Amino acid sequence: MSATVRDIMTARVVAVREDARFKEMAAMLCSSRISAFPVVDHEGRVIGVVSEADLLANQADQDGPQGWLDGVLRRQEHEKAAGGTAGELMTAHR
C-alpha cells in the first residue's frame, strides 16, 4: 500500500512569523510533534519553510567549528545555519 501526503500530514497547520527566534521554533516543533513549519510574513503569507534539519544545522554551527560540519555544509548553507530567526533559517522559493 502506498502512503499519500494526506496519510502523513497534520491537519492543524503550525506556522511561525519570520522574526521567530530559535528557542521558540525548537519548542514549537517539540510541542506540536512536527518536523517543519511554514514561515509567514506580517500579512500571513507563506514565505518559506523551517525544518528540524535547519534547526540542527544552526545548533551545530553555534557549537563551534567542527571538521565534519565544515565539510558537509557549503558556504551558503553555513551562513544560513548561523541565522537566529525563522527568516534567516528558512528555505525560501527562489
C-alpha atoms as a PDB file:
ATOM      1  CA  MET A   1       0.000   0.000   0.000  1.00  0.00           C
ATOM      2  CA  SER A   2       1.354   3.438  -0.942  1.00  0.00           C
ATOM      3  CA  ALA A   3       1.123   6.266   1.564  1.00  0.00           C
ATOM      4  CA  THR A   4      -0.162   9.594   0.319  1.00  0.00           C
ATOM      5  CA  VAL A   5       0.605  13.067   1.630  1.00  0.00           C
ATOM      6  CA  ARG A   6      -2.798  13.028   3.304  1.00  0.00           C
ATOM      7  CA  ASP A   7      -1.785   9.911   5.241  1.00  0.00           C
ATOM      8  CA  ILE A   8       1.255  11.537   6.848  1.00  0.00           C
ATOM      9  CA  MET A   9       0.407  15.234   7.086  1.00  0.00           C
ATOM     10  CA  THR A  10      -1.021  17.010  10.077  1.00  0.00           C
ATOM     11  CA  ALA A  11      -4.381  18.698   9.609  1.00  0.00           C
ATOM     12  CA  ARG A  12      -3.610  21.569  12.004  1.00  0.00           C
ATOM     13  CA  VAL A  13      -1.065  23.937  10.458  1.00  0.00           C
ATOM     14  CA  VAL A  14       1.528  25.362  12.825  1.00  0.00           C
ATOM     15  CA  ALA A  15       3.307  28.393  11.385  1.00  0.00           C
ATOM     16  CA  VAL A  16       5.805  30.935  12.685  1.00  0.00           C
ATOM     17  CA  ARG A  17       6.460  34.536  11.785  1.00  0.00           C
ATOM     18  CA  GLU A  18       9.736  35.401  10.106  1.00  0.00           C
ATOM     19  CA  ASP A  19      11.060  37.041  13.305  1.00  0.00           C
ATOM     20  CA  ALA A  20      10.511  33.920  15.482  1.00  0.00           C
ATOM     21  CA  ARG A  21      13.671  33.052  17.435  1.00  0.00           C
ATOM     22  CA  PHE A  22      15.467  29.691  17.528  1.00  0.00           C
ATOM     23  CA  LYS A  23      14.276  28.628  21.005  1.00  0.00           C
ATOM     24  CA  GLU A  24      10.665  29.466  20.166  1.00  0.00           C
ATOM     25  CA  MET A  25      10.824  27.396  16.976  1.00  0.00           C
ATOM     26  CA  ALA A  26      12.507  24.442  18.689  1.00  0.00           C
ATOM     27  CA  ALA A  27       9.853  24.441  21.427  1.00  0.00           C
ATOM     28  CA  MET A  28       7.049  24.603  18.864  1.00  0.00           C
ATOM     29  CA  LEU A  29       8.464  21.653  16.904  1.00  0.00           C
ATOM     30  CA  CYS A  30       8.619  19.556  20.070  1.00  0.00           C
ATOM     31  CA  SER A  31       5.245  20.527  21.474  1.00  0.00           C
ATOM     32  CA  SER A  32       3.459  20.165  18.138  1.00  0.00           C
ATOM     33  CA  ARG A  33       5.234  16.900  17.238  1.00  0.00           C
ATOM     34  CA  ILE A  34       6.018  18.103  13.724  1.00  0.00           C
ATOM     35  CA  SER A  35       9.251  18.232  11.747  1.00  0.00           C
ATOM     36  CA  ALA A  36       8.790  21.506   9.846  1.00  0.00           C
ATOM     37  CA  PHE A  37       6.527  24.503   9.578  1.00  0.00           C
ATOM     38  CA  PRO A  38       5.787  27.342   7.184  1.00  0.00           C
ATOM     39  CA  VAL A  39       7.197  30.792   7.847  1.00  0.00           C
ATOM     40  CA  VAL A  40       4.735  33.633   7.286  1.00  0.00           C
ATOM     41  CA  ASP A  41       5.218  37.367   6.833  1.00  0.00           C
ATOM     42  CA  HIS A  42       3.310  40.076   8.730  1.00  0.00           C
ATOM     43  CA  GLU A  43       0.329  39.589   6.393  1.00  0.00           C
ATOM     44  CA  GLY A  44       0.173  35.828   6.935  1.00  0.00           C
ATOM     45  CA  ARG A  45       1.592  34.896   3.516  1.00  0.00           C
ATOM     46  CA  VAL A  46       3.882  31.860   3.377  1.00  0.00           C
ATOM     47  CA  ILE A  47       7.412  32.967   2.534  1.00  0.00           C
ATOM     48  CA  GLY A  48       9.410  29.845   3.410  1.00  0.00           C
ATOM     49  CA  VAL A  49       9.774  26.710   5.490  1.00  0.00           C
ATOM     50  CA  VAL A  50      11.889  25.914   8.566  1.00  0.00           C
ATOM     51  CA  SER A  51      12.648  22.260   9.280  1.00  0.00           C
ATOM     52  CA  GLU A  52      14.281  20.269  12.051  1.00  0.00           C
ATOM     53  CA  ALA A  53      17.309  19.974   9.779  1.00  0.00           C
ATOM     54  CA  ASP A  54      17.588  23.782   9.627  1.00  0.00           C
ATOM     55  CA  LEU A  55      17.496  23.992  13.431  1.00  0.00           C
ATOM     56  CA  LEU A  56      20.021  21.154  13.837  1.00  0.00           C
ATOM     57  CA  ALA A  57      22.427  22.834  11.417  1.00  0.00           C
ATOM     58  CA  ASN A  58      22.031  26.059  13.382  1.00  0.00           C
ATOM     59  CA  GLN A  59      22.776  24.346  16.679  1.00  0.00           C
ATOM     60  CA  ALA A  60      25.792  22.522  15.264  1.00  0.00           C
ATOM     61  CA  ASP A  61      27.086  25.827  13.889  1.00  0.00           C
ATOM     62  CA  GLN A  62      26.610  27.523  17.269  1.00  0.00           C
ATOM     63  CA  ASP A  63      28.591  24.762  18.989  1.00  0.00           C
ATOM     64  CA  GLY A  64      31.668  25.916  17.105  1.00  0.00           C
ATOM     65  CA  PRO A  65      33.612  24.857  14.048  1.00  0.00           C
ATOM     66  CA  GLN A  66      33.572  21.114  13.530  1.00  0.00           C
ATOM     67  CA  GLY A  67      35.616  19.336  10.905  1.00  0.00           C
ATOM     68  CA  TRP A  68      32.626  17.321   9.746  1.00  0.00           C
ATOM     69  CA  LEU A  69      30.360  20.366   9.725  1.00  0.00           C
ATOM     70  CA  ASP A  70      32.704  22.416   7.582  1.00  0.00           C
ATOM     71  CA  GLY A  71      32.994  19.522   5.149  1.00  0.00           C
ATOM     72  CA  VAL A  72      29.245  18.926   4.953  1.00  0.00           C
ATOM     73  CA  LEU A  73      27.932  22.465   4.853  1.00  0.00           C
ATOM     74  CA  ARG A  74      28.757  24.600   1.859  1.00  0.00           C
ATOM     75  CA  ARG A  75      29.394  28.310   2.371  1.00  0.00           C
ATOM     76  CA  GLN A  76      25.787  29.365   1.702  1.00  0.00           C
ATOM     77  CA  GLU A  77      24.407  26.636   3.966  1.00  0.00           C
ATOM     78  CA  HIS A  78      26.939  27.587   6.657  1.00  0.00           C
ATOM     79  CA  GLU A  79      25.790  31.229   6.510  1.00  0.00           C
ATOM     80  CA  LYS A  80      22.148  30.143   6.673  1.00  0.00           C
ATOM     81  CA  ALA A  81      22.894  27.872   9.648  1.00  0.00           C
ATOM     82  CA  ALA A  82      24.277  30.855  11.562  1.00  0.00           C
ATOM     83  CA  GLY A  83      20.851  32.552  11.467  1.00  0.00           C
ATOM     84  CA  GLY A  84      18.852  33.061  14.610  1.00  0.00           C
ATOM     85  CA  THR A  85      15.379  33.820  13.256  1.00  0.00           C
ATOM     86  CA  ALA A  86      12.954  31.910  11.087  1.00  0.00           C
ATOM     87  CA  GLY A  87      13.542  34.394   8.264  1.00  0.00           C
ATOM     88  CA  GLU A  88      17.295  33.707   8.389  1.00  0.00           C
ATOM     89  CA  LEU A  89      16.992  29.917   8.748  1.00  0.00           C
ATOM     90  CA  MET A  90      14.143  29.203   6.354  1.00  0.00           C
ATOM     91  CA  THR A  91      14.296  27.728   2.926  1.00  0.00           C
ATOM     92  CA  ALA A  92      12.517  30.095   0.538  1.00  0.00           C
ATOM     93  CA  HIS A  93      11.336  29.685  -3.012  1.00  0.00           C
ATOM     94  CA  ARG A  94      13.932  31.205  -5.328  1.00  0.00           C
END
